[in-house]
Amino acid sequence: MNKKHLISRICLIVIGFFIVLFLVNKQNKNENVNLNKNEVQKIHISHFMPLFDEFDVTDSNEVITIVEYLNSINKKNTKEDPRDYFGGGYGIKLYFKDGSERTLFFTGNRFLSETNRFTYEIPYREAIKFDRIVTNILKEKLSKDGKASIIGTVDSVESEQSGANISCVLKTEDNVKYNIFLRNTKIMDGTGAGNLLVHEEDKIKVFYLKGEQTDKDIIHPSMVFIEGVTYEK
């Protein structure tokens, strides 16, 4: 190969490299979340497991909180497939004012993805913040729906052999005790520990409908939220 042909080939390789680099950068740019908080009209939240009934977020402040959170996460490209990991997760469907829609998925407090667009790995400490955002929205929703609430520390727990909670005794700050019926109760963990069970000394908040109670000291909850734990993940 003479010098002229060698130079031509090198030039073609260099040009090809920059074309590929340009296309990759363009693709990555298009695959970023890049949500405009002023364009999102409504967000539909669901969970892979039945932790709560799926619901719409329409309050503008709550919508902005979620959008700003999604934009702020430190995202890292990954070749891993979230489907290879067991764990709960969220479906986040965004409705835009122009009529378009996008659906994002949180998986196992580790991945953020959008079908056929991207899969990112995200830091655990940032991922669990979404649990807290959803917890706060659900509490507000339950209050608006007329649910009463009590908060306290778990004094004792009765569980089945499988480990599932049957009931617990909640003790309030003024030492009043309530029996909380937990069988088939939806328990939301806003601490990031990822537990669907309550333990002794956990701080919990219980929402319930007063008209459904059979005794003033026995609470049949609509939902239970774990707010503080005495163990480490």
C-alpha atoms as a PDB file:
ATOM      1  CA  MET A   1       0.000   0.000   0.000  1.00  0.00           C
ATOM      2  CA  ASN A   2       1.505   3.357  -1.008  1.00  0.00           C
ATOM      3  CA  LYS A   3       1.628   6.403   1.232  1.00  0.00           C
ATOM      4  CA  LYS A   4      -1.226   8.174  -0.569  1.00  0.00           C
ATOM      5  CA  HIS A   5      -3.632   5.264  -0.090  1.00  0.00           C
ATOM      6  CA  LEU A   6      -2.580   4.875   3.541  1.00  0.00           C
ATOM      7  CA  ILE A   7      -3.340   8.528   4.281  1.00  0.00           C
ATOM      8  CA  SER A   8      -6.710   8.215   2.527  1.00  0.00           C
ATOM      9  CA  ARG A   9      -7.612   5.170   4.587  1.00  0.00           C
ATOM     10  CA  ILE A  10      -6.610   6.881   7.845  1.00  0.00           C
ATOM     11  CA  CYS A  11      -8.739   9.893   6.913  1.00  0.00           C
ATOM     12  CA  LEU A  12     -11.742   7.662   6.229  1.00  0.00           C
ATOM     13  CA  ILE A  13     -11.291   5.890   9.592  1.00  0.00           C
ATOM     14  CA  VAL A  14     -11.071   9.219  11.427  1.00  0.00           C
ATOM     15  CA  ILE A  15     -14.130  10.588   9.644  1.00  0.00           C
ATOM     16  CA  GLY A  16     -16.046   7.375  10.406  1.00  0.00           C
ATOM     17  CA  PHE A  17     -15.069   7.608  14.068  1.00  0.00           C
ATOM     18  CA  PHE A  18     -16.417  11.142  14.380  1.00  0.00           C
ATOM     19  CA  ILE A  19     -19.646  10.202  12.607  1.00  0.00           C
ATOM     20  CA  VAL A  20     -20.202   7.338  15.063  1.00  0.00           C
ATOM     21  CA  LEU A  21     -19.327   9.608  17.991  1.00  0.00           C
ATOM     22  CA  PHE A  22     -21.790  12.216  16.749  1.00  0.00           C
ATOM     23  CA  LEU A  23     -24.578   9.659  16.397  1.00  0.00           C
ATOM     24  CA  VAL A  24     -23.920   8.208  19.852  1.00  0.00           C
ATOM     25  CA  ASN A  25     -23.929  11.651  21.459  1.00  0.00           C
ATOM     26  CA  LYS A  26     -27.109  12.542  19.617  1.00  0.00           C
ATOM     27  CA  GLN A  27     -28.751   9.297  20.738  1.00  0.00           C
ATOM     28  CA  ASN A  28     -27.714   9.817  24.349  1.00  0.00           C
ATOM     29  CA  LYS A  29     -29.052  13.349  24.247  1.00  0.00           C
ATOM     30  CA  ASN A  30     -32.426  12.120  23.041  1.00  0.00           C
ATOM     31  CA  GLU A  31     -32.503   9.378  25.666  1.00  0.00           C
ATOM     32  CA  ASN A  32     -32.120  11.632  28.704  1.00  0.00           C
ATOM     33  CA  VAL A  33     -35.187  12.119  30.888  1.00  0.00           C
ATOM     34  CA  ASN A  34     -35.252  15.892  30.243  1.00  0.00           C
ATOM     35  CA  LEU A  35     -38.731  16.605  31.617  1.00  0.00           C
ATOM     36  CA  ASN A  36     -40.156  20.112  31.571  1.00  0.00           C
ATOM     37  CA  LYS A  37     -42.151  20.652  34.755  1.00  0.00           C
ATOM     38  CA  ASN A  38     -44.346  23.212  32.987  1.00  0.00           C
ATOM     39  CA  GLU A  39     -45.399  20.715  30.318  1.00  0.00           C
ATOM     40  CA  VAL A  40     -46.456  17.803  32.575  1.00  0.00           C
ATOM     41  CA  GLN A  41     -50.176  17.918  33.335  1.00  0.00           C
ATOM     42  CA  LYS A  42     -50.760  14.707  35.281  1.00  0.00           C
ATOM     43  CA  ILE A  43     -48.779  11.728  36.603  1.00  0.00           C
ATOM     44  CA  HIS A  44     -50.197   8.246  37.166  1.00  0.00           C
ATOM     45  CA  ILE A  45     -48.421   6.208  39.869  1.00  0.00           C
ATOM     46  CA  SER A  46     -48.652   2.434  40.174  1.00  0.00           C
ATOM     47  CA  HIS A  47     -46.600  -0.222  41.966  1.00  0.00           C
ATOM     48  CA  PHE A  48     -45.425  -3.622  40.735  1.00  0.00           C
ATOM     49  CA  MET A  49     -46.770  -5.125  43.964  1.00  0.00           C
ATOM     50  CA  PRO A  50     -50.151  -4.207  45.499  1.00  0.00           C
ATOM     51  CA  LEU A  51     -48.753  -1.816  48.111  1.00  0.00           C
ATOM     52  CA  PHE A  52     -51.408   0.755  47.290  1.00  0.00           C
ATOM     53  CA  ASP A  53     -54.175   1.435  44.797  1.00  0.00           C
ATOM     54  CA  GLU A  54     -52.720   3.175  41.740  1.00  0.00           C
ATOM     55  CA  PHE A  55     -53.631   6.838  41.595  1.00  0.00           C
ATOM     56  CA  ASP A  56     -53.286  10.082  39.654  1.00  0.00           C
ATOM     57  CA  VAL A  57     -51.205  13.038  40.799  1.00  0.00           C
ATOM     58  CA  THR A  58     -52.866  16.234  39.586  1.00  0.00           C
ATOM     59  CA  ASP A  59     -51.822  18.788  42.217  1.00  0.00           C
ATOM     60  CA  SER A  60     -49.384  21.119  40.432  1.00  0.00           C
ATOM     61  CA  ASN A  61     -46.965  21.282  43.371  1.00  0.00           C
ATOM     62  CA  GLU A  62     -46.848  17.479  43.655  1.00  0.00           C
ATOM     63  CA  VAL A  63     -46.354  17.127  39.887  1.00  0.00           C
ATOM     64  CA  ILE A  64     -43.464  19.612  39.994  1.00  0.00           C
ATOM     65  CA  THR A  65     -41.902  17.766  42.966  1.00  0.00           C
ATOM     66  CA  ILE A  66     -41.894  14.478  41.028  1.00  0.00           C
ATOM     67  CA  VAL A  67     -40.599  16.027  37.786  1.00  0.00           C
ATOM     68  CA  GLU A  68     -37.799  17.901  39.537  1.00  0.00           C
ATOM     69  CA  TYR A  69     -36.841  14.731  41.380  1.00  0.00           C
ATOM     70  CA  LEU A  70     -36.700  12.649  38.181  1.00  0.00           C
ATOM     71  CA  ASN A  71     -34.535  15.281  36.492  1.00  0.00           C
ATOM     72  CA  SER A  72     -32.174  15.498  39.460  1.00  0.00           C
ATOM     73  CA  ILE A  73     -31.241  11.806  39.797  1.00  0.00           C
ATOM     74  CA  ASN A  74     -27.631  10.920  39.020  1.00  0.00           C
ATOM     75  CA  LYS A  75     -28.017   8.400  36.221  1.00  0.00           C
ATOM     76  CA  LYS A  76     -25.353   5.991  34.969  1.00  0.00           C
ATOM     77  CA  ASN A  77     -25.533   3.957  31.763  1.00  0.00           C
ATOM     78  CA  THR A  78     -25.707   0.217  32.336  1.00  0.00           C
ATOM     79  CA  LYS A  79     -25.916  -2.960  30.259  1.00  0.00           C
ATOM     80  CA  GLU A  80     -27.788  -4.794  33.020  1.00  0.00           C
ATOM     81  CA  ASP A  81     -31.420  -5.759  32.577  1.00  0.00           C
ATOM     82  CA  PRO A  82     -33.754  -4.758  35.445  1.00  0.00           C
ATOM     83  CA  ARG A  83     -35.840  -7.849  34.705  1.00  0.00           C
ATOM     84  CA  ASP A  84     -32.984  -9.975  36.027  1.00  0.00           C
ATOM     85  CA  TYR A  85     -33.461  -8.521  39.507  1.00  0.00           C
ATOM     86  CA  PHE A  86     -36.241  -9.331  41.940  1.00  0.00           C
ATOM     87  CA  GLY A  87     -37.832  -6.449  43.767  1.00  0.00           C
ATOM     88  CA  GLY A  88     -40.648  -3.974  43.846  1.00  0.00           C
ATOM     89  CA  GLY A  89     -40.903  -0.926  41.671  1.00  0.00           C
ATOM     90  CA  TYR A  90     -43.038   1.878  40.344  1.00  0.00           C
ATOM     91  CA  GLY A  91     -44.698   2.696  37.074  1.00  0.00           C
ATOM     92  CA  ILE A  92     -44.681   6.455  36.459  1.00  0.00           C
ATOM     93  CA  LYS A  93     -46.884   7.525  33.547  1.00  0.00           C
ATOM     94  CA  LEU A  94     -46.561  11.179  32.596  1.00  0.00           C
ATOM     95  CA  TYR A  95     -49.297  12.982  30.678  1.00  0.00           C
ATOM     96  CA  PHE A  96     -48.223  16.143  28.853  1.00  0.00           C
ATOM     97  CA  LYS A  97     -50.291  19.194  27.981  1.00  0.00           C
ATOM     98  CA  ASP A  98     -49.771  18.531  24.248  1.00  0.00           C
ATOM     99  CA  GLY A  99     -51.490  15.136  24.593  1.00  0.00           C
ATOM    100  CA  SER A 100     -48.340  12.996  24.517  1.00  0.00           C
ATOM    101  CA  GLU A 101     -47.409  10.418  27.167  1.00  0.00           C
ATOM    102  CA  ARG A 102     -44.264   8.793  28.561  1.00  0.00           C
ATOM    103  CA  THR A 103     -43.958   5.885  31.011  1.00  0.00           C
ATOM    104  CA  LEU A 104     -40.913   5.494  33.237  1.00  0.00           C
ATOM    105  CA  PHE A 105     -40.153   2.542  35.509  1.00  0.00           C
ATOM    106  CA  PHE A 106     -38.324   2.381  38.819  1.00  0.00           C
ATOM    107  CA  THR A 107     -37.081  -1.134  39.567  1.00  0.00           C
ATOM    108  CA  GLY A 108     -35.732  -2.400  42.884  1.00  0.00           C
ATOM    109  CA  ASN A 109     -34.447   1.012  43.985  1.00  0.00           C
ATOM    110  CA  ARG A 110     -31.679   0.518  41.436  1.00  0.00           C
ATOM    111  CA  PHE A 111     -32.844   1.187  37.883  1.00  0.00           C
ATOM    112  CA  LEU A 112     -34.737   3.916  36.042  1.00  0.00           C
ATOM    113  CA  SER A 113     -35.881   2.922  32.559  1.00  0.00           C
ATOM    114  CA  GLU A 114     -38.150   3.782  29.681  1.00  0.00           C
ATOM    115  CA  THR A 115     -39.069   1.049  27.210  1.00  0.00           C
ATOM    116  CA  ASN A 116     -36.988   1.158  24.013  1.00  0.00           C
ATOM    117  CA  ARG A 117     -35.260   4.358  25.126  1.00  0.00           C
ATOM    118  CA  PHE A 118     -32.929   3.878  28.070  1.00  0.00           C
ATOM    119  CA  THR A 119     -32.030   1.957  31.206  1.00  0.00           C
ATOM    120  CA  TYR A 120     -30.024   3.778  33.848  1.00  0.00           C
ATOM    121  CA  GLU A 121     -28.536   2.590  37.099  1.00  0.00           C
ATOM    122  CA  ILE A 122     -29.210   5.043  39.925  1.00  0.00           C
ATOM    123  CA  PRO A 123     -27.760   5.424  43.434  1.00  0.00           C
ATOM    124  CA  TYR A 124     -29.784   3.647  46.124  1.00  0.00           C
ATOM    125  CA  ARG A 125     -29.861   6.680  48.428  1.00  0.00           C
ATOM    126  CA  GLU A 126     -31.360   8.765  45.633  1.00  0.00           C
ATOM    127  CA  ALA A 127     -33.791   6.069  44.505  1.00  0.00           C
ATOM    128  CA  ILE A 128     -35.421   5.672  47.919  1.00  0.00           C
ATOM    129  CA  LYS A 129     -36.352   9.354  47.939  1.00  0.00           C
ATOM    130  CA  PHE A 130     -39.195   8.422  45.605  1.00  0.00           C
ATOM    131  CA  ASP A 131     -40.643   6.168  48.328  1.00  0.00           C
ATOM    132  CA  ARG A 132     -40.822   9.235  50.556  1.00  0.00           C
ATOM    133  CA  ILE A 133     -42.402  11.382  47.848  1.00  0.00           C
ATOM    134  CA  VAL A 134     -45.091   8.763  47.178  1.00  0.00           C
ATOM    135  CA  THR A 135     -45.618   8.254  50.917  1.00  0.00           C
ATOM    136  CA  ASN A 136     -46.257  11.966  51.460  1.00  0.00           C
ATOM    137  CA  ILE A 137     -48.677  12.133  48.535  1.00  0.00           C
ATOM    138  CA  LEU A 138     -50.590   9.069  49.755  1.00  0.00           C
ATOM    139  CA  LYS A 139     -50.872  10.478  53.290  1.00  0.00           C
ATOM    140  CA  GLU A 140     -52.274  13.720  51.927  1.00  0.00           C
ATOM    141  CA  LYS A 141     -54.705  11.787  49.742  1.00  0.00           C
ATOM    142  CA  LEU A 142     -55.924   9.646  52.649  1.00  0.00           C
ATOM    143  CA  SER A 143     -56.457  12.740  54.790  1.00  0.00           C
ATOM    144  CA  LYS A 144     -58.460  14.421  52.018  1.00  0.00           C
ATOM    145  CA  ASP A 145     -60.542  11.235  51.717  1.00  0.00           C
ATOM    146  CA  GLY A 146     -61.592  11.656  55.361  1.00  0.00           C
ATOM    147  CA  LYS A 147     -59.360   9.040  56.976  1.00  0.00           C
ATOM    148  CA  ALA A 148     -58.334   9.539  60.605  1.00  0.00           C
ATOM    149  CA  SER A 149     -54.800   8.746  61.723  1.00  0.00           C
ATOM    150  CA  ILE A 150     -52.765   7.869  64.791  1.00  0.00           C
ATOM    151  CA  ILE A 151     -49.014   7.701  65.145  1.00  0.00           C
ATOM    152  CA  GLY A 152     -46.848   5.870  67.638  1.00  0.00           C
ATOM    153  CA  THR A 153     -44.285   3.156  68.290  1.00  0.00           C
ATOM    154  CA  VAL A 154     -44.869  -0.566  67.841  1.00  0.00           C
ATOM    155  CA  ASP A 155     -44.929  -2.081  71.327  1.00  0.00           C
ATOM    156  CA  SER A 156     -45.382  -5.731  70.289  1.00  0.00           C
ATOM    157  CA  VAL A 157     -46.137  -7.754  67.162  1.00  0.00           C
ATOM    158  CA  GLU A 158     -48.097 -10.950  66.530  1.00  0.00           C
ATOM    159  CA  SER A 159     -47.033 -12.786  63.381  1.00  0.00           C
ATOM    160  CA  GLU A 160     -47.796 -15.996  61.543  1.00  0.00           C
ATOM    161  CA  GLN A 161     -45.191 -18.752  61.189  1.00  0.00           C
ATOM    162  CA  SER A 162     -44.458 -17.427  57.706  1.00  0.00           C
ATOM    163  CA  GLY A 163     -43.498 -14.107  59.290  1.00  0.00           C
ATOM    164  CA  ALA A 164     -46.495 -12.172  58.011  1.00  0.00           C
ATOM    165  CA  ASN A 165     -47.976  -9.720  60.488  1.00  0.00           C
ATOM    166  CA  ILE A 166     -51.305 -10.551  62.115  1.00  0.00           C
ATOM    167  CA  SER A 167     -51.520  -7.589  64.454  1.00  0.00           C
ATOM    168  CA  CYS A 168     -49.474  -5.216  66.566  1.00  0.00           C
ATOM    169  CA  VAL A 169     -49.883  -2.970  69.566  1.00  0.00           C
ATOM    170  CA  LEU A 170     -49.187   0.696  68.887  1.00  0.00           C
ATOM    171  CA  LYS A 171     -48.257   2.959  71.789  1.00  0.00           C
ATOM    172  CA  THR A 172     -48.697   6.704  71.359  1.00  0.00           C
ATOM    173  CA  GLU A 173     -46.513   9.375  72.967  1.00  0.00           C
ATOM    174  CA  ASP A 174     -49.055   9.762  75.793  1.00  0.00           C
ATOM    175  CA  ASN A 175     -48.870   5.977  76.442  1.00  0.00           C
ATOM    176  CA  VAL A 176     -52.282   5.122  74.999  1.00  0.00           C
ATOM    177  CA  LYS A 177     -52.226   1.681  73.385  1.00  0.00           C
ATOM    178  CA  TYR A 178     -54.170   0.549  70.330  1.00  0.00           C
ATOM    179  CA  ASN A 179     -54.481  -2.920  68.825  1.00  0.00           C
ATOM    180  CA  ILE A 180     -53.812  -2.643  65.100  1.00  0.00           C
ATOM    181  CA  PHE A 181     -55.205  -5.406  62.884  1.00  0.00           C
ATOM    182  CA  LEU A 182     -52.582  -6.025  60.170  1.00  0.00           C
ATOM    183  CA  ARG A 183     -53.694  -9.138  58.300  1.00  0.00           C
ATOM    184  CA  ASN A 184     -53.921  -8.184  54.583  1.00  0.00           C
ATOM    185  CA  THR A 185     -53.208  -4.556  55.451  1.00  0.00           C
ATOM    186  CA  LYS A 186     -51.279  -2.496  52.898  1.00  0.00           C
ATOM    187  CA  ILE A 187     -48.016  -1.377  54.506  1.00  0.00           C
ATOM    188  CA  MET A 188     -45.928   1.346  52.878  1.00  0.00           C
ATOM    189  CA  ASP A 189     -42.298   1.788  53.931  1.00  0.00           C
ATOM    190  CA  GLY A 190     -41.202   5.387  53.449  1.00  0.00           C
ATOM    191  CA  THR A 191     -37.805   4.842  55.075  1.00  0.00           C
ATOM    192  CA  GLY A 192     -36.117   3.077  52.179  1.00  0.00           C
ATOM    193  CA  ALA A 193     -35.550  -0.105  54.170  1.00  0.00           C
ATOM    194  CA  GLY A 194     -37.884  -1.932  51.788  1.00  0.00           C
ATOM    195  CA  ASN A 195     -39.830  -3.868  54.429  1.00  0.00           C
ATOM    196  CA  LEU A 196     -43.490  -4.767  54.093  1.00  0.00           C
ATOM    197  CA  LEU A 197     -43.712  -5.769  57.754  1.00  0.00           C
ATOM    198  CA  VAL A 198     -43.681  -3.866  61.020  1.00  0.00           C
ATOM    199  CA  HIS A 199     -41.300  -4.715  63.847  1.00  0.00           C
ATOM    200  CA  GLU A 200     -41.128  -3.862  67.522  1.00  0.00           C
ATOM    201  CA  GLU A 201     -40.032  -0.264  68.135  1.00  0.00           C
ATOM    202  CA  ASP A 202     -40.817   0.812  64.583  1.00  0.00           C
ATOM    203  CA  LYS A 203     -42.494   4.199  64.377  1.00  0.00           C
ATOM    204  CA  ILE A 204     -45.660   3.898  62.301  1.00  0.00           C
ATOM    205  CA  LYS A 205     -48.580   6.045  61.210  1.00  0.00           C
ATOM    206  CA  VAL A 206     -51.938   4.331  60.809  1.00  0.00           C
ATOM    207  CA  PHE A 207     -54.780   5.692  58.659  1.00  0.00           C
ATOM    208  CA  TYR A 208     -58.283   4.327  59.189  1.00  0.00           C
ATOM    209  CA  LEU A 209     -61.948   5.134  58.720  1.00  0.00           C
ATOM    210  CA  LYS A 210     -63.628   5.694  62.068  1.00  0.00           C
ATOM    211  CA  GLY A 211     -66.945   4.304  60.910  1.00  0.00           C
ATOM    212  CA  GLU A 212     -65.362   0.915  60.150  1.00  0.00           C
ATOM    213  CA  GLN A 213     -64.022   0.324  63.667  1.00  0.00           C
ATOM    214  CA  THR A 214     -65.654  -2.349  65.837  1.00  0.00           C
ATOM    215  CA  ASP A 215     -63.994  -1.185  69.054  1.00  0.00           C
ATOM    216  CA  LYS A 216     -62.251   2.032  70.049  1.00  0.00           C
ATOM    217  CA  ASP A 217     -59.043   0.147  70.835  1.00  0.00           C
ATOM    218  CA  ILE A 218     -59.003  -2.073  67.729  1.00  0.00           C
ATOM    219  CA  ILE A 219     -58.023  -0.353  64.503  1.00  0.00           C
ATOM    220  CA  HIS A 220     -58.671  -1.841  61.058  1.00  0.00           C
ATOM    221  CA  PRO A 221     -56.310   0.288  58.953  1.00  0.00           C
ATOM    222  CA  SER A 222     -56.801   1.603  55.460  1.00  0.00           C
ATOM    223  CA  MET A 223     -53.011   1.856  55.250  1.00  0.00           C
ATOM    224  CA  VAL A 224     -49.994   1.718  57.548  1.00  0.00           C
ATOM    225  CA  PHE A 225     -46.860   3.771  56.937  1.00  0.00           C
ATOM    226  CA  ILE A 226     -43.506   2.888  58.469  1.00  0.00           C
ATOM    227  CA  GLU A 227     -41.879   6.196  59.355  1.00  0.00           C
ATOM    228  CA  GLY A 228     -38.851   5.105  61.356  1.00  0.00           C
ATOM    229  CA  VAL A 229     -37.044   1.830  61.984  1.00  0.00           C
ATOM    230  CA  THR A 230     -34.768   0.569  64.716  1.00  0.00           C
ATOM    231  CA  TYR A 231     -32.732  -1.734  62.475  1.00  0.00           C
ATOM    232  CA  GLU A 232     -30.429  -1.180  59.531  1.00  0.00           C
ATOM    233  CA  LYS A 233     -30.939  -2.464  55.991  1.00  0.00           C
END
